Structures are given as structure tokens and as C-alpha cells.
């Protein structure tokens, strides 16, 4: 009898947690109205502000063959986040070393991110089945020319790389599902073994698309996750936060519905934005670059507010 009661209590507790988690996803605020910035196929949208005060955008390109092959990294430029001009192909896979190796029929560059640090532009990227890398602009210009900081091979053997520069000047390499490692001073190597940043309520924040930033004094780790919502698998942005860069991180939560593999940036006025591209059947559009304003609710959680 005592065993039966214990089983009943345990099952009730588990059911409560599962139902509560599902309700938390179902009750999330819906995505506000959003439209593409321009009509060109782009996945994994990334934006930064350069030293000239202009905005620069990149992402995975090469439709329709981008899952297997593409050319390299394309960049766009804007003064106001509304009108974008293409700068063209700023780095080609054929300019690389280890990147040129085919894995079967696969040789595509995925999920480049653009960052402006230490007076120049940096491009993180991954090769499908080839690992992650980092390019540095030798001229300080977004057009490059770019050099591979680690031409002897990938920095990690996984995917989806990003950079995070902390307030003390230390720079971290973030990748895959929330793995992080501090970089050495000249940003040519990882200075430590990568570790996985885990939320308090799951094994990971998300399975891919890791990005780290600091917002309102807390470290925010973003990852993409497929969630069972709306009768399908929605590709959502999940977030967990911490007081320290290595954690411990609190519970993950759904921040941007349909907004998986995004990143956050601040505009020239200090307003925070999330990038977006659309990757599930319920997204408002598919594989086009977009942004939406974000804000923090009373609990310090990120939510979307709409178009520029």
C-alpha cells in the first residue's frame, strides 16, 4: 500500500512537471508581426555594428544547394536596419585550407556570424561535417581580406560558432549546443577545453545555434530547439541566464517562437534586437533575414516586440 502511494505520488509529480512544461510552451506570447528585411534566401541571420556605425549582416547562403555545397560568406550593409546593400562574397571556401576538403559530396559553409572586436571584423563559421573556424579581417573592413586564424585545422569538430567578448576583455568561443571555451589573447587558439553550459531544468538550452551575450547584467545563453507545439515541431529560440559566464544557469525558457538559431544585438540607440529567419511550418515566412525588437519582462525574460 505504501509502495502504491509512493508510485502514485511520483507519477503525479512527474505528470505535473510534464504538463507544466507543456503549458509553459503553449502559453508563451505569440510572435509579434514580423517581415523579412529583404527578399534573398538567408538562414541563421547575424548582425553587428561596425566601427563606422553601419550595420552588417551575414548568414548561411547558397540556396538551393546550401545543405551540401555553397561558395562561402556573403555580407550586407545598412545605415538604418531597413535598407540593405550587398557587399558580395567576402570570403570563398576555395581561399581556405582545411575548409576545402570534401566530406563525400559535402562542402558547405554554414551559419557564419559577423562580429566587430578589437578594431576589426571577425567571421565565425562551420563547415558541414568539417568543424568550426574563425576568420579575421586584415584590413579592418567588412569586405576583408580575411585570414583564417587557425589554418592548420578547425577550432572544434562541431557546428554553429559565435564569439562573446566579456566586460574584462576576455573573448570566448561558443558553439554547438552551448559549449564554451575562452580564447587565447591573440584569438588564434582555444585557451581551455570546451565545457557545456547547462540550464537547471534540461540537459541543454538547445541542440544547436549557440550564442552568448550579456543583457541587463546577466549572461544570456541562446540555443535553438525543436519543440512539440502547434501540432508540429517548431524551431524556437530558448534562453537560460546566469550571473557568471560559466554558470550555474537557471531554467531554460522559450523566448522567441519560431526564432531558433538567432542572435541578439544592440542598435546605435541602445535598443536590443533579435535576428530571425524562419525554419518551421508555422513560421511567418521561411529562410529570409529579419529582426524584431526585444524587451525584458518583469522576471527579466526576453520577449519579442515587433519590426523596426
C-alpha atoms as a PDB file:
ATOM      1  CA  UNK A   1       0.000   0.000   0.000  1.00  0.00           C
ATOM      2  CA  UNK A   2       2.803   2.395   0.919  1.00  0.00           C
ATOM      3  CA  UNK A   3       4.549   1.453  -2.337  1.00  0.00           C
ATOM      4  CA  UNK A   4       1.363   2.131  -4.302  1.00  0.00           C
ATOM      5  CA  UNK A   5       1.001   5.528  -2.644  1.00  0.00           C
ATOM      6  CA  UNK A   6       4.654   6.336  -3.389  1.00  0.00           C
ATOM      7  CA  UNK A   7       4.213   5.353  -7.034  1.00  0.00           C
ATOM      8  CA  UNK A   8       1.049   7.442  -7.217  1.00  0.00           C
ATOM      9  CA  UNK A   9       2.811  10.498  -5.741  1.00  0.00           C
ATOM     10  CA  UNK A  10       5.821  10.048  -8.037  1.00  0.00           C
ATOM     11  CA  UNK A  11       3.619   9.691 -11.117  1.00  0.00           C
ATOM     12  CA  UNK A  12       1.588  12.723 -10.084  1.00  0.00           C
ATOM     13  CA  UNK A  13       4.758  14.765  -9.627  1.00  0.00           C
ATOM     14  CA  UNK A  14       6.125  13.706 -12.999  1.00  0.00           C
ATOM     15  CA  UNK A  15       2.773  14.379 -14.668  1.00  0.00           C
ATOM     16  CA  UNK A  16       2.612  17.810 -13.053  1.00  0.00           C
ATOM     17  CA  UNK A  17       6.115  18.673 -14.327  1.00  0.00           C
ATOM     18  CA  UNK A  18       5.408  17.438 -17.858  1.00  0.00           C
ATOM     19  CA  UNK A  19       2.018  19.168 -18.044  1.00  0.00           C
ATOM     20  CA  UNK A  20       3.523  22.315 -16.557  1.00  0.00           C
ATOM     21  CA  UNK A  21       6.349  22.318 -19.095  1.00  0.00           C
ATOM     22  CA  UNK A  22       3.903  21.838 -21.974  1.00  0.00           C
ATOM     23  CA  UNK A  23       1.678  24.586 -20.613  1.00  0.00           C
ATOM     24  CA  UNK A  24       4.675  26.910 -20.325  1.00  0.00           C
ATOM     25  CA  UNK A  25       5.404  26.379 -24.024  1.00  0.00           C
ATOM     26  CA  UNK A  26       1.758  26.639 -25.059  1.00  0.00           C
ATOM     27  CA  UNK A  27       1.159  29.823 -23.086  1.00  0.00           C
ATOM     28  CA  UNK A  28       4.152  31.708 -24.471  1.00  0.00           C
ATOM     29  CA  UNK A  29       3.398  35.074 -26.030  1.00  0.00           C
ATOM     30  CA  UNK A  30       2.876  34.696 -29.751  1.00  0.00           C
ATOM     31  CA  UNK A  31       5.430  36.048 -32.180  1.00  0.00           C
ATOM     32  CA  UNK A  32       4.639  39.706 -32.956  1.00  0.00           C
ATOM     33  CA  UNK A  33       4.204  40.833 -36.594  1.00  0.00           C
ATOM     34  CA  UNK A  34       7.477  40.462 -38.481  1.00  0.00           C
ATOM     35  CA  UNK A  35       8.588  40.716 -42.114  1.00  0.00           C
ATOM     36  CA  UNK A  36      11.835  39.971 -43.992  1.00  0.00           C
ATOM     37  CA  UNK A  37      14.457  42.700 -44.303  1.00  0.00           C
ATOM     38  CA  UNK A  38      14.940  41.797 -47.966  1.00  0.00           C
ATOM     39  CA  UNK A  39      13.984  39.013 -50.343  1.00  0.00           C
ATOM     40  CA  UNK A  40      17.057  36.791 -50.558  1.00  0.00           C
ATOM     41  CA  UNK A  41      17.446  33.273 -49.105  1.00  0.00           C
ATOM     42  CA  UNK A  42      19.394  33.502 -45.829  1.00  0.00           C
ATOM     43  CA  UNK A  43      19.457  31.220 -42.812  1.00  0.00           C
ATOM     44  CA  UNK A  44      21.000  31.782 -39.355  1.00  0.00           C
ATOM     45  CA  UNK A  45      20.909  35.596 -39.606  1.00  0.00           C
ATOM     46  CA  UNK A  46      23.690  37.506 -37.800  1.00  0.00           C
ATOM     47  CA  UNK A  47      24.074  41.299 -37.444  1.00  0.00           C
ATOM     48  CA  UNK A  48      26.650  43.568 -35.806  1.00  0.00           C
ATOM     49  CA  UNK A  49      27.568  47.267 -35.734  1.00  0.00           C
ATOM     50  CA  UNK A  50      30.949  48.169 -37.191  1.00  0.00           C
ATOM     51  CA  UNK A  51      33.331  50.872 -36.054  1.00  0.00           C
ATOM     52  CA  UNK A  52      31.832  53.144 -38.724  1.00  0.00           C
ATOM     53  CA  UNK A  53      28.370  52.968 -37.136  1.00  0.00           C
ATOM     54  CA  UNK A  54      26.965  50.898 -40.005  1.00  0.00           C
ATOM     55  CA  UNK A  55      25.150  47.588 -39.562  1.00  0.00           C
ATOM     56  CA  UNK A  56      26.491  44.410 -41.176  1.00  0.00           C
ATOM     57  CA  UNK A  57      24.538  41.212 -41.829  1.00  0.00           C
ATOM     58  CA  UNK A  58      25.513  37.699 -42.795  1.00  0.00           C
ATOM     59  CA  UNK A  59      24.127  34.170 -42.625  1.00  0.00           C
ATOM     60  CA  UNK A  60      24.049  30.872 -44.458  1.00  0.00           C
ATOM     61  CA  UNK A  61      23.596  31.400 -48.211  1.00  0.00           C
ATOM     62  CA  UNK A  62      23.801  29.314 -51.364  1.00  0.00           C
ATOM     63  CA  UNK A  63      20.181  28.210 -51.836  1.00  0.00           C
ATOM     64  CA  UNK A  64      19.137  25.669 -53.072  1.00  0.00           C
ATOM     65  CA  UNK A  65      22.312  23.594 -52.590  1.00  0.00           C
ATOM     66  CA  UNK A  66      23.323  25.069 -49.213  1.00  0.00           C
ATOM     67  CA  UNK A  67      22.817  21.821 -47.286  1.00  0.00           C
ATOM     68  CA  UNK A  68      25.583  20.185 -49.348  1.00  0.00           C
ATOM     69  CA  UNK A  69      27.611  22.863 -51.141  1.00  0.00           C
ATOM     70  CA  UNK A  70      27.973  26.639 -51.385  1.00  0.00           C
ATOM     71  CA  UNK A  71      30.645  29.256 -52.119  1.00  0.00           C
ATOM     72  CA  UNK A  72      31.442  30.968 -48.831  1.00  0.00           C
ATOM     73  CA  UNK A  73      30.318  34.036 -46.879  1.00  0.00           C
ATOM     74  CA  UNK A  74      28.211  36.944 -48.125  1.00  0.00           C
ATOM     75  CA  UNK A  75      27.716  40.232 -46.244  1.00  0.00           C
ATOM     76  CA  UNK A  76      25.153  43.063 -46.499  1.00  0.00           C
ATOM     77  CA  UNK A  77      25.417  46.650 -45.184  1.00  0.00           C
ATOM     78  CA  UNK A  78      22.811  49.108 -43.811  1.00  0.00           C
ATOM     79  CA  UNK A  79      22.736  52.520 -42.170  1.00  0.00           C
ATOM     80  CA  UNK A  80      19.277  52.136 -40.635  1.00  0.00           C
ATOM     81  CA  UNK A  81      18.426  48.382 -40.366  1.00  0.00           C
ATOM     82  CA  UNK A  82      15.858  48.881 -43.141  1.00  0.00           C
ATOM     83  CA  UNK A  83      17.669  49.332 -46.455  1.00  0.00           C
ATOM     84  CA  UNK A  84      20.401  46.776 -47.132  1.00  0.00           C
ATOM     85  CA  UNK A  85      23.099  46.790 -49.813  1.00  0.00           C
ATOM     86  CA  UNK A  86      25.056  43.641 -50.733  1.00  0.00           C
ATOM     87  CA  UNK A  87      28.829  43.685 -50.321  1.00  0.00           C
ATOM     88  CA  UNK A  88      29.043  40.379 -52.148  1.00  0.00           C
ATOM     89  CA  UNK A  89      31.089  37.300 -51.379  1.00  0.00           C
ATOM     90  CA  UNK A  90      33.705  38.441 -48.846  1.00  0.00           C
ATOM     91  CA  UNK A  91      35.349  35.032 -48.344  1.00  0.00           C
ATOM     92  CA  UNK A  92      35.371  31.941 -50.541  1.00  0.00           C
ATOM     93  CA  UNK A  93      35.847  28.366 -49.357  1.00  0.00           C
ATOM     94  CA  UNK A  94      38.496  27.984 -52.050  1.00  0.00           C
ATOM     95  CA  UNK A  95      40.604  30.583 -50.208  1.00  0.00           C
ATOM     96  CA  UNK A  96      40.847  28.265 -47.201  1.00  0.00           C
ATOM     97  CA  UNK A  97      42.942  25.253 -46.249  1.00  0.00           C
ATOM     98  CA  UNK A  98      41.085  22.572 -44.272  1.00  0.00           C
ATOM     99  CA  UNK A  99      37.761  24.061 -45.392  1.00  0.00           C
ATOM    100  CA  UNK A 100      38.346  22.922 -48.989  1.00  0.00           C
ATOM    101  CA  UNK A 101      38.224  19.236 -48.065  1.00  0.00           C
ATOM    102  CA  UNK A 102      35.078  17.458 -49.225  1.00  0.00           C
ATOM    103  CA  UNK A 103      33.265  15.008 -46.950  1.00  0.00           C
ATOM    104  CA  UNK A 104      31.635  12.801 -49.510  1.00  0.00           C
ATOM    105  CA  UNK A 105      29.677  15.270 -51.635  1.00  0.00           C
ATOM    106  CA  UNK A 106      29.534  17.813 -48.806  1.00  0.00           C
ATOM    107  CA  UNK A 107      31.462  21.074 -48.738  1.00  0.00           C
ATOM    108  CA  UNK A 108      29.219  23.865 -47.493  1.00  0.00           C
ATOM    109  CA  UNK A 109      29.891  26.719 -45.086  1.00  0.00           C
ATOM    110  CA  UNK A 110      27.107  27.101 -42.540  1.00  0.00           C
ATOM    111  CA  UNK A 111      25.977  29.693 -40.000  1.00  0.00           C
ATOM    112  CA  UNK A 112      28.605  32.432 -40.352  1.00  0.00           C
ATOM    113  CA  UNK A 113      28.377  35.151 -37.720  1.00  0.00           C
ATOM    114  CA  UNK A 114      29.866  38.621 -38.036  1.00  0.00           C
ATOM    115  CA  UNK A 115      31.453  40.340 -35.031  1.00  0.00           C
ATOM    116  CA  UNK A 116      33.321  43.620 -34.617  1.00  0.00           C
ATOM    117  CA  UNK A 117      36.009  43.356 -31.931  1.00  0.00           C
ATOM    118  CA  UNK A 118      39.400  44.935 -31.320  1.00  0.00           C
ATOM    119  CA  UNK A 119      39.074  47.302 -34.258  1.00  0.00           C
ATOM    120  CA  UNK A 120      38.287  44.739 -36.925  1.00  0.00           C
ATOM    121  CA  UNK A 121      35.709  42.261 -38.202  1.00  0.00           C
ATOM    122  CA  UNK A 122      35.644  38.567 -37.331  1.00  0.00           C
ATOM    123  CA  UNK A 123      33.620  35.818 -39.001  1.00  0.00           C
ATOM    124  CA  UNK A 124      32.859  32.614 -37.133  1.00  0.00           C
ATOM    125  CA  UNK A 125      31.581  29.719 -39.232  1.00  0.00           C
ATOM    126  CA  UNK A 126      31.326  25.958 -39.529  1.00  0.00           C
ATOM    127  CA  UNK A 127      31.783  23.517 -42.384  1.00  0.00           C
ATOM    128  CA  UNK A 128      29.214  20.758 -42.762  1.00  0.00           C
ATOM    129  CA  UNK A 129      30.954  17.671 -41.358  1.00  0.00           C
ATOM    130  CA  UNK A 130      34.183  19.712 -41.099  1.00  0.00           C
ATOM    131  CA  UNK A 131      34.210  21.650 -37.815  1.00  0.00           C
ATOM    132  CA  UNK A 132      34.235  25.310 -36.739  1.00  0.00           C
ATOM    133  CA  UNK A 133      36.585  28.147 -37.638  1.00  0.00           C
ATOM    134  CA  UNK A 134      37.321  31.850 -37.260  1.00  0.00           C
ATOM    135  CA  UNK A 135      38.323  34.439 -39.860  1.00  0.00           C
ATOM    136  CA  UNK A 136      39.852  37.870 -39.170  1.00  0.00           C
ATOM    137  CA  UNK A 137      39.733  40.896 -41.475  1.00  0.00           C
ATOM    138  CA  UNK A 138      43.310  42.061 -42.078  1.00  0.00           C
ATOM    139  CA  UNK A 139      42.154  45.490 -43.268  1.00  0.00           C
ATOM    140  CA  UNK A 140      39.631  46.190 -40.529  1.00  0.00           C
ATOM    141  CA  UNK A 141      36.958  46.397 -43.236  1.00  0.00           C
ATOM    142  CA  UNK A 142      33.925  44.094 -43.579  1.00  0.00           C
ATOM    143  CA  UNK A 143      34.993  43.232 -47.139  1.00  0.00           C
ATOM    144  CA  UNK A 144      38.291  41.836 -45.829  1.00  0.00           C
ATOM    145  CA  UNK A 145      40.585  40.374 -46.969  1.00  0.00           C
ATOM    146  CA  UNK A 146      40.069  37.702 -44.316  1.00  0.00           C
ATOM    147  CA  UNK A 147      42.617  35.250 -42.961  1.00  0.00           C
ATOM    148  CA  UNK A 148      41.972  32.042 -41.065  1.00  0.00           C
ATOM    149  CA  UNK A 149      43.330  32.440 -37.523  1.00  0.00           C
ATOM    150  CA  UNK A 150      43.854  28.659 -37.289  1.00  0.00           C
ATOM    151  CA  UNK A 151      44.672  27.426 -40.828  1.00  0.00           C
ATOM    152  CA  UNK A 152      46.022  24.089 -39.616  1.00  0.00           C
ATOM    153  CA  UNK A 153      42.515  22.834 -38.847  1.00  0.00           C
ATOM    154  CA  UNK A 154      39.151  23.554 -37.197  1.00  0.00           C
ATOM    155  CA  UNK A 155      38.971  25.029 -33.697  1.00  0.00           C
ATOM    156  CA  UNK A 156      36.357  22.409 -32.758  1.00  0.00           C
ATOM    157  CA  UNK A 157      34.873  19.420 -34.541  1.00  0.00           C
ATOM    158  CA  UNK A 158      31.276  20.584 -34.187  1.00  0.00           C
ATOM    159  CA  UNK A 159      28.998  23.299 -35.664  1.00  0.00           C
ATOM    160  CA  UNK A 160      27.477  26.755 -35.112  1.00  0.00           C
ATOM    161  CA  UNK A 161      30.185  29.049 -33.745  1.00  0.00           C
ATOM    162  CA  UNK A 162      29.935  32.503 -32.146  1.00  0.00           C
ATOM    163  CA  UNK A 163      32.145  34.925 -30.220  1.00  0.00           C
ATOM    164  CA  UNK A 164      31.424  36.594 -26.901  1.00  0.00           C
ATOM    165  CA  UNK A 165      33.578  39.450 -25.548  1.00  0.00           C
ATOM    166  CA  UNK A 166      33.129  39.974 -21.810  1.00  0.00           C
ATOM    167  CA  UNK A 167      33.484  43.246 -19.920  1.00  0.00           C
ATOM    168  CA  UNK A 168      37.019  42.329 -18.796  1.00  0.00           C
ATOM    169  CA  UNK A 169      38.210  41.930 -22.394  1.00  0.00           C
ATOM    170  CA  UNK A 170      38.274  38.141 -22.410  1.00  0.00           C
ATOM    171  CA  UNK A 171      36.851  36.594 -25.567  1.00  0.00           C
ATOM    172  CA  UNK A 172      35.032  33.252 -25.594  1.00  0.00           C
ATOM    173  CA  UNK A 173      34.318  30.824 -28.424  1.00  0.00           C
ATOM    174  CA  UNK A 174      30.770  29.459 -28.156  1.00  0.00           C
ATOM    175  CA  UNK A 175      29.456  26.651 -30.335  1.00  0.00           C
ATOM    176  CA  UNK A 176      27.027  23.772 -30.970  1.00  0.00           C
ATOM    177  CA  UNK A 177      24.574  23.350 -28.069  1.00  0.00           C
ATOM    178  CA  UNK A 178      26.110  25.769 -25.567  1.00  0.00           C
ATOM    179  CA  UNK A 179      29.740  24.687 -25.377  1.00  0.00           C
ATOM    180  CA  UNK A 180      32.170  27.454 -24.432  1.00  0.00           C
ATOM    181  CA  UNK A 181      35.932  27.957 -24.195  1.00  0.00           C
ATOM    182  CA  UNK A 182      37.993  31.079 -23.532  1.00  0.00           C
ATOM    183  CA  UNK A 183      40.278  32.031 -26.405  1.00  0.00           C
ATOM    184  CA  UNK A 184      43.957  32.913 -26.031  1.00  0.00           C
ATOM    185  CA  UNK A 185      44.989  36.569 -26.107  1.00  0.00           C
ATOM    186  CA  UNK A 186      45.636  36.757 -29.864  1.00  0.00           C
ATOM    187  CA  UNK A 187      42.469  34.760 -30.639  1.00  0.00           C
ATOM    188  CA  UNK A 188      44.234  32.028 -32.581  1.00  0.00           C
ATOM    189  CA  UNK A 189      43.515  29.071 -30.276  1.00  0.00           C
ATOM    190  CA  UNK A 190      41.177  27.918 -27.543  1.00  0.00           C
ATOM    191  CA  UNK A 191      42.898  28.515 -24.208  1.00  0.00           C
ATOM    192  CA  UNK A 192      40.948  25.777 -22.429  1.00  0.00           C
ATOM    193  CA  UNK A 193      38.885  22.682 -23.076  1.00  0.00           C
ATOM    194  CA  UNK A 194      35.282  23.497 -24.053  1.00  0.00           C
ATOM    195  CA  UNK A 195      32.621  22.894 -21.406  1.00  0.00           C
ATOM    196  CA  UNK A 196      28.853  22.594 -21.818  1.00  0.00           C
ATOM    197  CA  UNK A 197      26.704  25.247 -20.159  1.00  0.00           C
ATOM    198  CA  UNK A 198      23.562  23.507 -18.921  1.00  0.00           C
ATOM    199  CA  UNK A 199      20.300  25.023 -17.730  1.00  0.00           C
ATOM    200  CA  UNK A 200      18.843  23.917 -14.402  1.00  0.00           C
ATOM    201  CA  UNK A 201      15.830  22.199 -15.969  1.00  0.00           C
ATOM    202  CA  UNK A 202      17.222  20.339 -19.019  1.00  0.00           C
ATOM    203  CA  UNK A 203      20.299  18.650 -20.459  1.00  0.00           C
ATOM    204  CA  UNK A 204      20.953  21.631 -22.715  1.00  0.00           C
ATOM    205  CA  UNK A 205      19.453  25.001 -23.585  1.00  0.00           C
ATOM    206  CA  UNK A 206      19.011  23.788 -27.164  1.00  0.00           C
ATOM    207  CA  UNK A 207      20.645  21.312 -29.505  1.00  0.00           C
ATOM    208  CA  UNK A 208      22.354  23.858 -31.818  1.00  0.00           C
ATOM    209  CA  UNK A 209      22.785  27.520 -32.740  1.00  0.00           C
ATOM    210  CA  UNK A 210      24.542  28.609 -29.518  1.00  0.00           C
ATOM    211  CA  UNK A 211      25.040  32.341 -28.879  1.00  0.00           C
ATOM    212  CA  UNK A 212      26.075  34.175 -25.699  1.00  0.00           C
ATOM    213  CA  UNK A 213      25.640  37.814 -24.727  1.00  0.00           C
ATOM    214  CA  UNK A 214      25.240  39.930 -21.603  1.00  0.00           C
ATOM    215  CA  UNK A 215      21.922  41.709 -21.141  1.00  0.00           C
ATOM    216  CA  UNK A 216      20.802  43.655 -18.068  1.00  0.00           C
ATOM    217  CA  UNK A 217      23.856  42.445 -16.162  1.00  0.00           C
ATOM    218  CA  UNK A 218      23.256  38.726 -16.748  1.00  0.00           C
ATOM    219  CA  UNK A 219      24.775  36.254 -19.173  1.00  0.00           C
ATOM    220  CA  UNK A 220      22.161  35.023 -21.652  1.00  0.00           C
ATOM    221  CA  UNK A 221      22.802  31.760 -23.491  1.00  0.00           C
ATOM    222  CA  UNK A 222      20.629  31.303 -26.582  1.00  0.00           C
ATOM    223  CA  UNK A 223      20.196  27.990 -28.404  1.00  0.00           C
ATOM    224  CA  UNK A 224      17.788  26.556 -30.968  1.00  0.00           C
ATOM    225  CA  UNK A 225      15.421  23.721 -30.122  1.00  0.00           C
ATOM    226  CA  UNK A 226      12.656  21.865 -31.937  1.00  0.00           C
ATOM    227  CA  UNK A 227       9.617  21.903 -29.639  1.00  0.00           C
ATOM    228  CA  UNK A 228       6.342  19.991 -29.959  1.00  0.00           C
ATOM    229  CA  UNK A 229       3.968  22.933 -30.383  1.00  0.00           C
ATOM    230  CA  UNK A 230       1.079  23.933 -32.629  1.00  0.00           C
ATOM    231  CA  UNK A 231       0.748  20.411 -33.998  1.00  0.00           C
ATOM    232  CA  UNK A 232       4.273  20.375 -35.421  1.00  0.00           C
ATOM    233  CA  UNK A 233       7.939  20.792 -34.487  1.00  0.00           C
ATOM    234  CA  UNK A 234       8.597  24.500 -34.027  1.00  0.00           C
ATOM    235  CA  UNK A 235      12.173  25.753 -34.293  1.00  0.00           C
ATOM    236  CA  UNK A 236      12.377  28.092 -31.308  1.00  0.00           C
ATOM    237  CA  UNK A 237      14.900  30.265 -29.511  1.00  0.00           C
ATOM    238  CA  UNK A 238      15.428  29.018 -25.966  1.00  0.00           C
ATOM    239  CA  UNK A 239      17.314  31.075 -23.353  1.00  0.00           C
ATOM    240  CA  UNK A 240      18.858  30.476 -19.933  1.00  0.00           C
ATOM    241  CA  UNK A 241      20.685  33.109 -17.878  1.00  0.00           C
ATOM    242  CA  UNK A 242      23.367  33.239 -15.195  1.00  0.00           C
ATOM    243  CA  UNK A 243      25.269  35.699 -13.013  1.00  0.00           C
ATOM    244  CA  UNK A 244      28.611  34.197 -14.061  1.00  0.00           C
ATOM    245  CA  UNK A 245      29.789  33.262 -17.544  1.00  0.00           C
ATOM    246  CA  UNK A 246      30.305  29.584 -16.635  1.00  0.00           C
ATOM    247  CA  UNK A 247      27.084  29.407 -14.670  1.00  0.00           C
ATOM    248  CA  UNK A 248      25.216  27.990 -12.949  1.00  0.00           C
ATOM    249  CA  UNK A 249      22.484  28.786 -15.471  1.00  0.00           C
ATOM    250  CA  UNK A 250      18.842  28.957 -14.481  1.00  0.00           C
ATOM    251  CA  UNK A 251      15.905  27.266 -16.226  1.00  0.00           C
ATOM    252  CA  UNK A 252      15.656  27.485 -19.980  1.00  0.00           C
ATOM    253  CA  UNK A 253      12.545  29.102 -21.419  1.00  0.00           C
ATOM    254  CA  UNK A 254      11.025  29.761 -24.834  1.00  0.00           C
ATOM    255  CA  UNK A 255      11.991  33.329 -25.714  1.00  0.00           C
ATOM    256  CA  UNK A 256      11.380  33.810 -29.456  1.00  0.00           C
ATOM    257  CA  UNK A 257       8.817  31.427 -31.020  1.00  0.00           C
ATOM    258  CA  UNK A 258       9.990  30.149 -34.438  1.00  0.00           C
ATOM    259  CA  UNK A 259      13.189  32.158 -33.820  1.00  0.00           C
ATOM    260  CA  UNK A 260      15.755  29.375 -33.447  1.00  0.00           C
ATOM    261  CA  UNK A 261      19.398  29.994 -34.394  1.00  0.00           C
ATOM    262  CA  UNK A 262      19.218  33.710 -33.789  1.00  0.00           C
ATOM    263  CA  UNK A 263      21.446  36.189 -32.002  1.00  0.00           C
ATOM    264  CA  UNK A 264      20.898  39.419 -30.068  1.00  0.00           C
ATOM    265  CA  UNK A 265      22.463  42.807 -30.780  1.00  0.00           C
ATOM    266  CA  UNK A 266      22.049  46.440 -29.716  1.00  0.00           C
ATOM    267  CA  UNK A 267      21.434  49.258 -32.174  1.00  0.00           C
ATOM    268  CA  UNK A 268      23.078  52.683 -32.057  1.00  0.00           C
ATOM    269  CA  UNK A 269      20.379  53.936 -29.665  1.00  0.00           C
ATOM    270  CA  UNK A 270      20.919  51.038 -27.263  1.00  0.00           C
ATOM    271  CA  UNK A 271      17.743  49.099 -28.207  1.00  0.00           C
ATOM    272  CA  UNK A 272      18.092  45.306 -28.155  1.00  0.00           C
ATOM    273  CA  UNK A 273      17.067  43.258 -31.209  1.00  0.00           C
ATOM    274  CA  UNK A 274      16.862  39.599 -32.134  1.00  0.00           C
ATOM    275  CA  UNK A 275      17.642  38.255 -35.581  1.00  0.00           C
ATOM    276  CA  UNK A 276      15.261  35.781 -37.232  1.00  0.00           C
ATOM    277  CA  UNK A 277      14.939  33.658 -40.371  1.00  0.00           C
ATOM    278  CA  UNK A 278      12.066  31.156 -40.051  1.00  0.00           C
ATOM    279  CA  UNK A 279      12.622  27.404 -40.075  1.00  0.00           C
ATOM    280  CA  UNK A 280       9.366  25.583 -39.374  1.00  0.00           C
ATOM    281  CA  UNK A 281       5.911  25.192 -40.993  1.00  0.00           C
ATOM    282  CA  UNK A 282       4.292  27.647 -38.569  1.00  0.00           C
ATOM    283  CA  UNK A 283       6.863  30.427 -39.007  1.00  0.00           C
ATOM    284  CA  UNK A 284       5.512  33.596 -40.693  1.00  0.00           C
ATOM    285  CA  UNK A 285       7.974  33.043 -43.573  1.00  0.00           C
ATOM    286  CA  UNK A 286      10.858  30.711 -44.377  1.00  0.00           C
ATOM    287  CA  UNK A 287      14.585  31.337 -44.801  1.00  0.00           C
ATOM    288  CA  UNK A 288      14.625  35.126 -45.129  1.00  0.00           C
ATOM    289  CA  UNK A 289      16.594  37.517 -42.875  1.00  0.00           C
ATOM    290  CA  UNK A 290      14.597  39.518 -40.342  1.00  0.00           C
ATOM    291  CA  UNK A 291      14.830  41.261 -36.981  1.00  0.00           C
ATOM    292  CA  UNK A 292      12.457  42.088 -34.143  1.00  0.00           C
ATOM    293  CA  UNK A 293      12.713  44.375 -31.160  1.00  0.00           C
ATOM    294  CA  UNK A 294      13.028  42.611 -27.832  1.00  0.00           C
ATOM    295  CA  UNK A 295      12.437  43.639 -24.236  1.00  0.00           C
ATOM    296  CA  UNK A 296      12.660  42.068 -20.786  1.00  0.00           C
ATOM    297  CA  UNK A 297       9.534  41.231 -18.817  1.00  0.00           C
ATOM    298  CA  UNK A 298       9.148  41.697 -15.059  1.00  0.00           C
ATOM    299  CA  UNK A 299      11.040  38.445 -14.466  1.00  0.00           C
ATOM    300  CA  UNK A 300      13.941  39.502 -16.692  1.00  0.00           C
ATOM    301  CA  UNK A 301      12.956  37.174 -19.541  1.00  0.00           C
ATOM    302  CA  UNK A 302      13.371  38.116 -23.186  1.00  0.00           C
ATOM    303  CA  UNK A 303      10.286  38.509 -25.406  1.00  0.00           C
ATOM    304  CA  UNK A 304       9.758  39.948 -28.884  1.00  0.00           C
ATOM    305  CA  UNK A 305       8.073  43.282 -29.542  1.00  0.00           C
ATOM    306  CA  UNK A 306       7.984  43.625 -33.354  1.00  0.00           C
ATOM    307  CA  UNK A 307       9.515  45.052 -36.525  1.00  0.00           C
ATOM    308  CA  UNK A 308      11.793  48.100 -36.823  1.00  0.00           C
END
